[in-house]
Amino acid sequence: AVIGVVLSQNKESSSFETYGSTKTDTYKDVIKDIIN
């Protein structure tokens, strides 16, 4: 499968400051691994 993925994050989440917004780029390989 060839998939383009769009994720929606909750800005009010307690994890948003740590993992969300611009910090998501830091974890994109982990996200890709989970999706794979």
PDB file of all heavy atoms in Angstrom:
ATOM      1  N   ALA A   1       0.850  -1.186   0.000  1.00  0.00           N
ATOM      2  CA  ALA A   1       0.000   0.000   0.000  1.00  0.00           C
ATOM      3  C   ALA A   1       0.885   1.235   0.000  1.00  0.00           C
ATOM      4  O   ALA A   1       1.915   1.270   0.651  1.00  0.00           O
ATOM      5  CB  ALA A   1      -0.899   0.010   1.222  1.00  0.00           C
ATOM      6  N   VAL A   2       0.470   2.232  -0.756  1.00  0.00           N
ATOM      7  CA  VAL A   2       1.126   3.537  -0.743  1.00  0.00           C
ATOM      8  C   VAL A   2       0.125   4.501  -0.124  1.00  0.00           C
ATOM      9  O   VAL A   2      -0.954   4.722  -0.671  1.00  0.00           O
ATOM     10  CB  VAL A   2       1.528   3.984  -2.170  1.00  0.00           C
ATOM     11  CG1 VAL A   2       2.197   5.340  -2.122  1.00  0.00           C
ATOM     12  CG2 VAL A   2       2.422   2.950  -2.834  1.00  0.00           C
ATOM     13  N   ILE A   3       0.496   5.047   1.049  1.00  0.00           N
ATOM     14  CA  ILE A   3      -0.455   5.814   1.842  1.00  0.00           C
ATOM     15  C   ILE A   3       0.119   7.178   2.197  1.00  0.00           C
ATOM     16  O   ILE A   3       1.258   7.284   2.636  1.00  0.00           O
ATOM     17  CB  ILE A   3      -0.797   5.063   3.151  1.00  0.00           C
ATOM     18  CG1 ILE A   3      -1.403   3.704   2.841  1.00  0.00           C
ATOM     19  CG2 ILE A   3      -1.735   5.873   4.016  1.00  0.00           C
ATOM     20  CD1 ILE A   3      -1.623   2.847   4.060  1.00  0.00           C
ATOM     21  N   GLY A   4      -0.673   8.209   2.017  1.00  0.00           N
ATOM     22  CA  GLY A   4      -0.377   9.549   2.533  1.00  0.00           C
ATOM     23  C   GLY A   4      -1.185   9.733   3.806  1.00  0.00           C
ATOM     24  O   GLY A   4      -2.389   9.501   3.817  1.00  0.00           O
ATOM     25  N   VAL A   5      -0.543  10.119   4.891  1.00  0.00           N
ATOM     26  CA  VAL A   5      -1.205  10.150   6.190  1.00  0.00           C
ATOM     27  C   VAL A   5      -1.332  11.575   6.706  1.00  0.00           C
ATOM     28  O   VAL A   5      -0.388  12.366   6.631  1.00  0.00           O
ATOM     29  CB  VAL A   5      -0.431   9.293   7.220  1.00  0.00           C
ATOM     30  CG1 VAL A   5      -1.112   9.318   8.573  1.00  0.00           C
ATOM     31  CG2 VAL A   5      -0.294   7.864   6.729  1.00  0.00           C
ATOM     32  N   VAL A   6      -2.513  11.893   7.243  1.00  0.00           N
ATOM     33  CA  VAL A   6      -2.783  13.172   7.897  1.00  0.00           C
ATOM     34  C   VAL A   6      -3.248  12.861   9.314  1.00  0.00           C
ATOM     35  O   VAL A   6      -4.182  12.087   9.514  1.00  0.00           O
ATOM     36  CB  VAL A   6      -3.876  13.965   7.149  1.00  0.00           C
ATOM     37  CG1 VAL A   6      -4.165  15.273   7.857  1.00  0.00           C
ATOM     38  CG2 VAL A   6      -3.494  14.197   5.713  1.00  0.00           C
ATOM     39  N   LEU A   7      -2.582  13.465  10.298  1.00  0.00           N
ATOM     40  CA  LEU A   7      -2.916  13.255  11.704  1.00  0.00           C
ATOM     41  C   LEU A   7      -3.539  14.521  12.272  1.00  0.00           C
ATOM     42  O   LEU A   7      -3.112  15.629  11.937  1.00  0.00           O
ATOM     43  CB  LEU A   7      -1.657  12.911  12.503  1.00  0.00           C
ATOM     44  CG  LEU A   7      -0.843  11.726  11.998  1.00  0.00           C
ATOM     45  CD1 LEU A   7       0.471  11.640  12.743  1.00  0.00           C
ATOM     46  CD2 LEU A   7      -1.629  10.448  12.134  1.00  0.00           C
ATOM     47  N   SER A   8      -4.526  14.366  13.128  1.00  0.00           N
ATOM     48  CA  SER A   8      -5.138  15.509  13.812  1.00  0.00           C
ATOM     49  C   SER A   8      -4.814  15.406  15.287  1.00  0.00           C
ATOM     50  O   SER A   8      -5.107  14.405  15.927  1.00  0.00           O
ATOM     51  CB  SER A   8      -6.651  15.507  13.616  1.00  0.00           C
ATOM     52  OG  SER A   8      -6.967  15.672  12.262  1.00  0.00           O
ATOM     53  N   GLN A   9      -4.213  16.473  15.818  1.00  0.00           N
ATOM     54  CA  GLN A   9      -3.811  16.491  17.222  1.00  0.00           C
ATOM     55  C   GLN A   9      -4.708  17.428  18.016  1.00  0.00           C
ATOM     56  O   GLN A   9      -5.128  18.464  17.521  1.00  0.00           O
ATOM     57  CB  GLN A   9      -2.357  16.950  17.355  1.00  0.00           C
ATOM     58  CG  GLN A   9      -1.369  16.041  16.679  1.00  0.00           C
ATOM     59  CD  GLN A   9       0.054  16.590  16.730  1.00  0.00           C
ATOM     60  OE1 GLN A   9       0.269  17.763  16.992  1.00  0.00           O
ATOM     61  NE2 GLN A   9       1.012  15.732  16.460  1.00  0.00           N
ATOM     62  N   ASN A  10      -4.932  17.062  19.269  1.00  0.00           N
ATOM     63  CA  ASN A  10      -5.734  17.847  20.194  1.00  0.00           C
ATOM     64  C   ASN A  10      -4.829  18.880  20.860  1.00  0.00           C
ATOM     65  O   ASN A  10      -3.947  18.528  21.634  1.00  0.00           O
ATOM     66  CB  ASN A  10      -6.368  16.916  21.229  1.00  0.00           C
ATOM     67  CG  ASN A  10      -7.184  17.632  22.256  1.00  0.00           C
ATOM     68  OD1 ASN A  10      -7.347  18.850  22.220  1.00  0.00           O
ATOM     69  ND2 ASN A  10      -7.707  16.871  23.199  1.00  0.00           N
ATOM     70  N   LYS A  11      -5.048  20.154  20.575  1.00  0.00           N
ATOM     71  CA  LYS A  11      -4.225  21.217  21.160  1.00  0.00           C
ATOM     72  C   LYS A  11      -4.391  21.309  22.676  1.00  0.00           C
ATOM     73  O   LYS A  11      -3.522  21.835  23.365  1.00  0.00           O
ATOM     74  CB  LYS A  11      -4.568  22.579  20.539  1.00  0.00           C
ATOM     75  CG  LYS A  11      -4.143  22.729  19.110  1.00  0.00           C
ATOM     76  CD  LYS A  11      -4.520  24.107  18.604  1.00  0.00           C
ATOM     77  CE  LYS A  11      -4.188  24.296  17.152  1.00  0.00           C
ATOM     78  NZ  LYS A  11      -4.590  25.632  16.668  1.00  0.00           N
ATOM     79  N   GLU A  12      -5.491  20.812  23.212  1.00  0.00           N
ATOM     80  CA  GLU A  12      -5.748  20.887  24.643  1.00  0.00           C
ATOM     81  C   GLU A  12      -5.239  19.673  25.411  1.00  0.00           C
ATOM     82  O   GLU A  12      -5.400  19.586  26.615  1.00  0.00           O
ATOM     83  CB  GLU A  12      -7.238  21.072  24.893  1.00  0.00           C
ATOM     84  CG  GLU A  12      -7.755  22.399  24.385  1.00  0.00           C
ATOM     85  CD  GLU A  12      -9.219  22.608  24.700  1.00  0.00           C
ATOM     86  OE1 GLU A  12      -9.937  21.632  24.983  1.00  0.00           O
ATOM     87  OE2 GLU A  12      -9.644  23.773  24.663  1.00  0.00           O
ATOM     88  N   SER A  13      -4.603  18.750  24.710  1.00  0.00           N
ATOM     89  CA  SER A  13      -4.068  17.552  25.355  1.00  0.00           C
ATOM     90  C   SER A  13      -2.878  17.904  26.238  1.00  0.00           C
ATOM     91  O   SER A  13      -2.091  18.810  25.936  1.00  0.00           O
ATOM     92  CB  SER A  13      -3.635  16.549  24.284  1.00  0.00           C
ATOM     93  OG  SER A  13      -2.894  15.501  24.856  1.00  0.00           O
ATOM     94  N   SER A  14      -2.737  17.162  27.323  1.00  0.00           N
ATOM     95  CA  SER A  14      -1.581  17.374  28.199  1.00  0.00           C
ATOM     96  C   SER A  14      -0.281  16.961  27.504  1.00  0.00           C
ATOM     97  O   SER A  14       0.794  17.434  27.859  1.00  0.00           O
ATOM     98  CB  SER A  14      -1.761  16.591  29.499  1.00  0.00           C
ATOM     99  OG  SER A  14      -1.922  15.212  29.210  1.00  0.00           O
ATOM    100  N   SER A  15      -0.364  16.113  26.499  1.00  0.00           N
ATOM    101  CA  SER A  15       0.812  15.663  25.749  1.00  0.00           C
ATOM    102  C   SER A  15       1.176  16.595  24.600  1.00  0.00           C
ATOM    103  O   SER A  15       2.209  16.416  23.962  1.00  0.00           O
ATOM    104  CB  SER A  15       0.563  14.265  25.191  1.00  0.00           C
ATOM    105  OG  SER A  15       0.252  13.369  26.213  1.00  0.00           O
ATOM    106  N   PHE A  16       0.321  17.580  24.312  1.00  0.00           N
ATOM    107  CA  PHE A  16       0.543  18.436  23.146  1.00  0.00           C
ATOM    108  C   PHE A  16       1.831  19.246  23.280  1.00  0.00           C
ATOM    109  O   PHE A  16       2.559  19.413  22.300  1.00  0.00           O
ATOM    110  CB  PHE A  16      -0.658  19.369  22.925  1.00  0.00           C
ATOM    111  CG  PHE A  16      -0.583  20.147  21.640  1.00  0.00           C
ATOM    112  CD1 PHE A  16      -0.788  19.522  20.424  1.00  0.00           C
ATOM    113  CD2 PHE A  16      -0.314  21.502  21.645  1.00  0.00           C
ATOM    114  CE1 PHE A  16      -0.724  20.233  19.238  1.00  0.00           C
ATOM    115  CE2 PHE A  16      -0.248  22.219  20.465  1.00  0.00           C
ATOM    116  CZ  PHE A  16      -0.455  21.576  19.257  1.00  0.00           C
ATOM    117  N   GLU A  17       2.115  19.744  24.454  1.00  0.00           N
ATOM    118  CA  GLU A  17       3.338  20.544  24.654  1.00  0.00           C
ATOM    119  C   GLU A  17       4.590  19.694  24.430  1.00  0.00           C
ATOM    120  O   GLU A  17       5.603  20.180  23.950  1.00  0.00           O
ATOM    121  CB  GLU A  17       3.356  21.155  26.061  1.00  0.00           C
ATOM    122  CG  GLU A  17       2.314  22.232  26.268  1.00  0.00           C
ATOM    123  CD  GLU A  17       2.504  23.427  25.348  1.00  0.00           C
ATOM    124  OE1 GLU A  17       3.658  23.845  25.120  1.00  0.00           O
ATOM    125  OE2 GLU A  17       1.487  23.937  24.846  1.00  0.00           O
ATOM    126  N   THR A  18       4.518  18.423  24.789  1.00  0.00           N
ATOM    127  CA  THR A  18       5.684  17.547  24.690  1.00  0.00           C
ATOM    128  C   THR A  18       5.855  16.964  23.294  1.00  0.00           C
ATOM    129  O   THR A  18       6.963  16.938  22.754  1.00  0.00           O
ATOM    130  CB  THR A  18       5.549  16.385  25.699  1.00  0.00           C
ATOM    131  OG1 THR A  18       5.266  16.920  26.984  1.00  0.00           O
ATOM    132  CG2 THR A  18       6.815  15.564  25.751  1.00  0.00           C
ATOM    133  N   TYR A  19       4.758  16.460  22.701  1.00  0.00           N
ATOM    134  CA  TYR A  19       4.853  15.724  21.442  1.00  0.00           C
ATOM    135  C   TYR A  19       4.186  16.401  20.262  1.00  0.00           C
ATOM    136  O   TYR A  19       4.383  15.997  19.130  1.00  0.00           O
ATOM    137  CB  TYR A  19       4.205  14.344  21.599  1.00  0.00           C
ATOM    138  CG  TYR A  19       4.778  13.523  22.718  1.00  0.00           C
ATOM    139  CD1 TYR A  19       3.997  13.164  23.810  1.00  0.00           C
ATOM    140  CD2 TYR A  19       6.087  13.082  22.677  1.00  0.00           C
ATOM    141  CE1 TYR A  19       4.505  12.399  24.835  1.00  0.00           C
ATOM    142  CE2 TYR A  19       6.616  12.317  23.700  1.00  0.00           C
ATOM    143  CZ  TYR A  19       5.816  11.974  24.771  1.00  0.00           C
ATOM    144  OH  TYR A  19       6.319  11.211  25.787  1.00  0.00           O
ATOM    145  N   GLY A  20       3.359  17.396  20.490  1.00  0.00           N
ATOM    146  CA  GLY A  20       2.546  17.957  19.425  1.00  0.00           C
ATOM    147  C   GLY A  20       3.175  19.117  18.700  1.00  0.00           C
ATOM    148  O   GLY A  20       4.320  19.501  18.925  1.00  0.00           O
ATOM    149  N   SER A  21       2.383  19.671  17.781  1.00  0.00           N
ATOM    150  CA  SER A  21       2.753  20.874  17.044  1.00  0.00           C
ATOM    151  C   SER A  21       4.065  20.689  16.298  1.00  0.00           C
ATOM    152  O   SER A  21       4.244  19.718  15.586  1.00  0.00           O
ATOM    153  CB  SER A  21       2.786  22.060  18.009  1.00  0.00           C
ATOM    154  OG  SER A  21       3.056  23.251  17.340  1.00  0.00           O
ATOM    155  N   THR A  22       4.976  21.608  16.452  1.00  0.00           N
ATOM    156  CA  THR A  22       6.249  21.559  15.722  1.00  0.00           C
ATOM    157  C   THR A  22       7.153  20.436  16.218  1.00  0.00           C
ATOM    158  O   THR A  22       8.072  20.018  15.508  1.00  0.00           O
ATOM    159  CB  THR A  22       6.995  22.900  15.868  1.00  0.00           C
ATOM    160  OG1 THR A  22       7.180  23.177  17.263  1.00  0.00           O
ATOM    161  CG2 THR A  22       6.207  24.018  15.221  1.00  0.00           C
ATOM    162  N   LYS A  23       6.920  19.914  17.411  1.00  0.00           N
ATOM    163  CA  LYS A  23       7.736  18.824  17.952  1.00  0.00           C
ATOM    164  C   LYS A  23       7.398  17.487  17.305  1.00  0.00           C
ATOM    165  O   LYS A  23       8.120  16.516  17.492  1.00  0.00           O
ATOM    166  CB  LYS A  23       7.568  18.755  19.466  1.00  0.00           C
ATOM    167  CG  LYS A  23       8.086  20.007  20.149  1.00  0.00           C
ATOM    168  CD  LYS A  23       7.888  19.952  21.634  1.00  0.00           C
ATOM    169  CE  LYS A  23       8.363  21.279  22.234  1.00  0.00           C
ATOM    170  NZ  LYS A  23       8.106  21.381  23.633  1.00  0.00           N
ATOM    171  N   THR A  24       6.324  17.450  16.560  1.00  0.00           N
ATOM    172  CA  THR A  24       5.938  16.210  15.895  1.00  0.00           C
ATOM    173  C   THR A  24       7.007  15.782  14.899  1.00  0.00           C
ATOM    174  O   THR A  24       7.235  14.587  14.709  1.00  0.00           O
ATOM    175  CB  THR A  24       4.573  16.381  15.194  1.00  0.00           C
ATOM    176  OG1 THR A  24       3.628  16.858  16.141  1.00  0.00           O
ATOM    177  CG2 THR A  24       4.075  15.077  14.620  1.00  0.00           C
ATOM    178  N   ASP A  25       7.688  16.733  14.261  1.00  0.00           N
ATOM    179  CA  ASP A  25       8.759  16.394  13.321  1.00  0.00           C
ATOM    180  C   ASP A  25       9.853  15.571  13.995  1.00  0.00           C
ATOM    181  O   ASP A  25      10.462  14.709  13.366  1.00  0.00           O
ATOM    182  CB  ASP A  25       9.364  17.660  12.708  1.00  0.00           C
ATOM    183  CG  ASP A  25       8.460  18.276  11.654  1.00  0.00           C
ATOM    184  OD1 ASP A  25       7.678  17.521  11.044  1.00  0.00           O
ATOM    185  OD2 ASP A  25       8.540  19.502  11.442  1.00  0.00           O
ATOM    186  N   THR A  26      10.099  15.842  15.256  1.00  0.00           N
ATOM    187  CA  THR A  26      11.106  15.088  15.999  1.00  0.00           C
ATOM    188  C   THR A  26      10.718  13.618  16.101  1.00  0.00           C
ATOM    189  O   THR A  26      11.576  12.739  16.073  1.00  0.00           O
ATOM    190  CB  THR A  26      11.260  15.671  17.428  1.00  0.00           C
ATOM    191  OG1 THR A  26      11.478  17.068  17.329  1.00  0.00           O
ATOM    192  CG2 THR A  26      12.382  15.002  18.183  1.00  0.00           C
ATOM    193  N   TYR A  27       9.437  13.353  16.196  1.00  0.00           N
ATOM    194  CA  TYR A  27       8.946  11.990  16.404  1.00  0.00           C
ATOM    195  C   TYR A  27       8.371  11.368  15.137  1.00  0.00           C
ATOM    196  O   TYR A  27       7.739  10.314  15.212  1.00  0.00           O
ATOM    197  CB  TYR A  27       7.877  11.997  17.506  1.00  0.00           C
ATOM    198  CG  TYR A  27       8.403  12.486  18.821  1.00  0.00           C
ATOM    199  CD1 TYR A  27       8.174  13.802  19.230  1.00  0.00           C
ATOM    200  CD2 TYR A  27       9.148  11.665  19.644  1.00  0.00           C
ATOM    201  CE1 TYR A  27       8.670  14.269  20.436  1.00  0.00           C
ATOM    202  CE2 TYR A  27       9.644  12.119  20.854  1.00  0.00           C
ATOM    203  CZ  TYR A  27       9.409  13.422  21.245  1.00  0.00           C
ATOM    204  OH  TYR A  27       9.895  13.871  22.432  1.00  0.00           O
ATOM    205  N   LYS A  28       8.602  11.983  13.974  1.00  0.00           N
ATOM    206  CA  LYS A  28       7.948  11.480  12.763  1.00  0.00           C
ATOM    207  C   LYS A  28       8.408  10.080  12.386  1.00  0.00           C
ATOM    208  O   LYS A  28       7.624   9.296  11.856  1.00  0.00           O
ATOM    209  CB  LYS A  28       8.107  12.456  11.596  1.00  0.00           C
ATOM    210  CG  LYS A  28       9.460  12.509  10.971  1.00  0.00           C
ATOM    211  CD  LYS A  28       9.455  13.459   9.795  1.00  0.00           C
ATOM    212  CE  LYS A  28      10.860  13.538   9.233  1.00  0.00           C
ATOM    213  NZ  LYS A  28      10.928  14.460   8.145  1.00  0.00           N
ATOM    214  N   ASP A  29       9.661   9.719  12.689  1.00  0.00           N
ATOM    215  CA  ASP A  29      10.112   8.363  12.387  1.00  0.00           C
ATOM    216  C   ASP A  29       9.421   7.336  13.286  1.00  0.00           C
ATOM    217  O   ASP A  29       9.101   6.234  12.850  1.00  0.00           O
ATOM    218  CB  ASP A  29      11.632   8.259  12.521  1.00  0.00           C
ATOM    219  CG  ASP A  29      12.345   9.013  11.400  1.00  0.00           C
ATOM    220  OD1 ASP A  29      11.771   9.101  10.295  1.00  0.00           O
ATOM    221  OD2 ASP A  29      13.460   9.516  11.633  1.00  0.00           O
ATOM    222  N   VAL A  30       9.174   7.697  14.525  1.00  0.00           N
ATOM    223  CA  VAL A  30       8.433   6.813  15.434  1.00  0.00           C
ATOM    224  C   VAL A  30       6.995   6.665  14.932  1.00  0.00           C
ATOM    225  O   VAL A  30       6.438   5.564  14.919  1.00  0.00           O
ATOM    226  CB  VAL A  30       8.454   7.377  16.877  1.00  0.00           C
ATOM    227  CG1 VAL A  30       7.591   6.541  17.809  1.00  0.00           C
ATOM    228  CG2 VAL A  30       9.873   7.476  17.393  1.00  0.00           C
ATOM    229  N   ILE A  31       6.415   7.758  14.493  1.00  0.00           N
ATOM    230  CA  ILE A  31       5.047   7.730  13.955  1.00  0.00           C
ATOM    231  C   ILE A  31       4.986   6.855  12.706  1.00  0.00           C
ATOM    232  O   ILE A  31       4.082   6.026  12.556  1.00  0.00           O
ATOM    233  CB  ILE A  31       4.555   9.168  13.656  1.00  0.00           C
ATOM    234  CG1 ILE A  31       4.404   9.952  14.961  1.00  0.00           C
ATOM    235  CG2 ILE A  31       3.249   9.151  12.873  1.00  0.00           C
ATOM    236  CD1 ILE A  31       4.181  11.438  14.768  1.00  0.00           C
ATOM    237  N   LYS A  32       5.947   7.009  11.813  1.00  0.00           N
ATOM    238  CA  LYS A  32       5.981   6.186  10.598  1.00  0.00           C
ATOM    239  C   LYS A  32       6.114   4.711  10.942  1.00  0.00           C
ATOM    240  O   LYS A  32       5.488   3.859  10.319  1.00  0.00           O
ATOM    241  CB  LYS A  32       7.141   6.621   9.700  1.00  0.00           C
ATOM    242  CG  LYS A  32       6.912   7.925   8.987  1.00  0.00           C
ATOM    243  CD  LYS A  32       8.123   8.262   8.126  1.00  0.00           C
ATOM    244  CE  LYS A  32       7.994   9.590   7.437  1.00  0.00           C
ATOM    245  NZ  LYS A  32       9.159   9.899   6.586  1.00  0.00           N
ATOM    246  N   ASP A  33       6.949   4.404  11.927  1.00  0.00           N
ATOM    247  CA  ASP A  33       7.125   3.017  12.347  1.00  0.00           C
ATOM    248  C   ASP A  33       5.823   2.434  12.875  1.00  0.00           C
ATOM    249  O   ASP A  33       5.456   1.307  12.530  1.00  0.00           O
ATOM    250  CB  ASP A  33       8.226   2.934  13.416  1.00  0.00           C
ATOM    251  CG  ASP A  33       8.491   1.511  13.852  1.00  0.00           C
ATOM    252  OD1 ASP A  33       8.769   0.661  12.973  1.00  0.00           O
ATOM    253  OD2 ASP A  33       8.411   1.240  15.073  1.00  0.00           O
ATOM    254  N   ILE A  34       5.114   3.195  13.688  1.00  0.00           N
ATOM    255  CA  ILE A  34       3.828   2.732  14.218  1.00  0.00           C
ATOM    256  C   ILE A  34       2.839   2.494  13.079  1.00  0.00           C
ATOM    257  O   ILE A  34       2.144   1.474  13.036  1.00  0.00           O
ATOM    258  CB  ILE A  34       3.262   3.747  15.239  1.00  0.00           C
ATOM    259  CG1 ILE A  34       4.110   3.728  16.508  1.00  0.00           C
ATOM    260  CG2 ILE A  34       1.791   3.459  15.547  1.00  0.00           C
ATOM    261  CD1 ILE A  34       3.778   4.833  17.494  1.00  0.00           C
ATOM    262  N   ILE A  35       2.789   3.418  12.126  1.00  0.00           N
ATOM    263  CA  ILE A  35       1.877   3.277  10.982  1.00  0.00           C
ATOM    264  C   ILE A  35       2.268   2.056  10.154  1.00  0.00           C
ATOM    265  O   ILE A  35       1.413   1.247   9.768  1.00  0.00           O
ATOM    266  CB  ILE A  35       1.861   4.566  10.136  1.00  0.00           C
ATOM    267  CG1 ILE A  35       1.236   5.710  10.941  1.00  0.00           C
ATOM    268  CG2 ILE A  35       1.102   4.346   8.833  1.00  0.00           C
ATOM    269  CD1 ILE A  35       1.403   7.074  10.312  1.00  0.00           C
ATOM    270  N   ASN A  36       3.570   1.890   9.871  1.00  0.00           N
ATOM    271  CA  ASN A  36       4.039   0.734   9.090  1.00  0.00           C
ATOM    272  C   ASN A  36       3.657  -0.581   9.754  1.00  0.00           C
ATOM    273  O   ASN A  36       3.116  -1.481   9.105  1.00  0.00           O
ATOM    274  CB  ASN A  36       5.562   0.781   8.904  1.00  0.00           C
ATOM    275  CG  ASN A  36       5.977   1.659   7.756  1.00  0.00           C
ATOM    276  OD1 ASN A  36       5.311   1.708   6.738  1.00  0.00           O
ATOM    277  ND2 ASN A  36       7.076   2.362   7.925  1.00  0.00           N
TER     278      ASN A  36
END
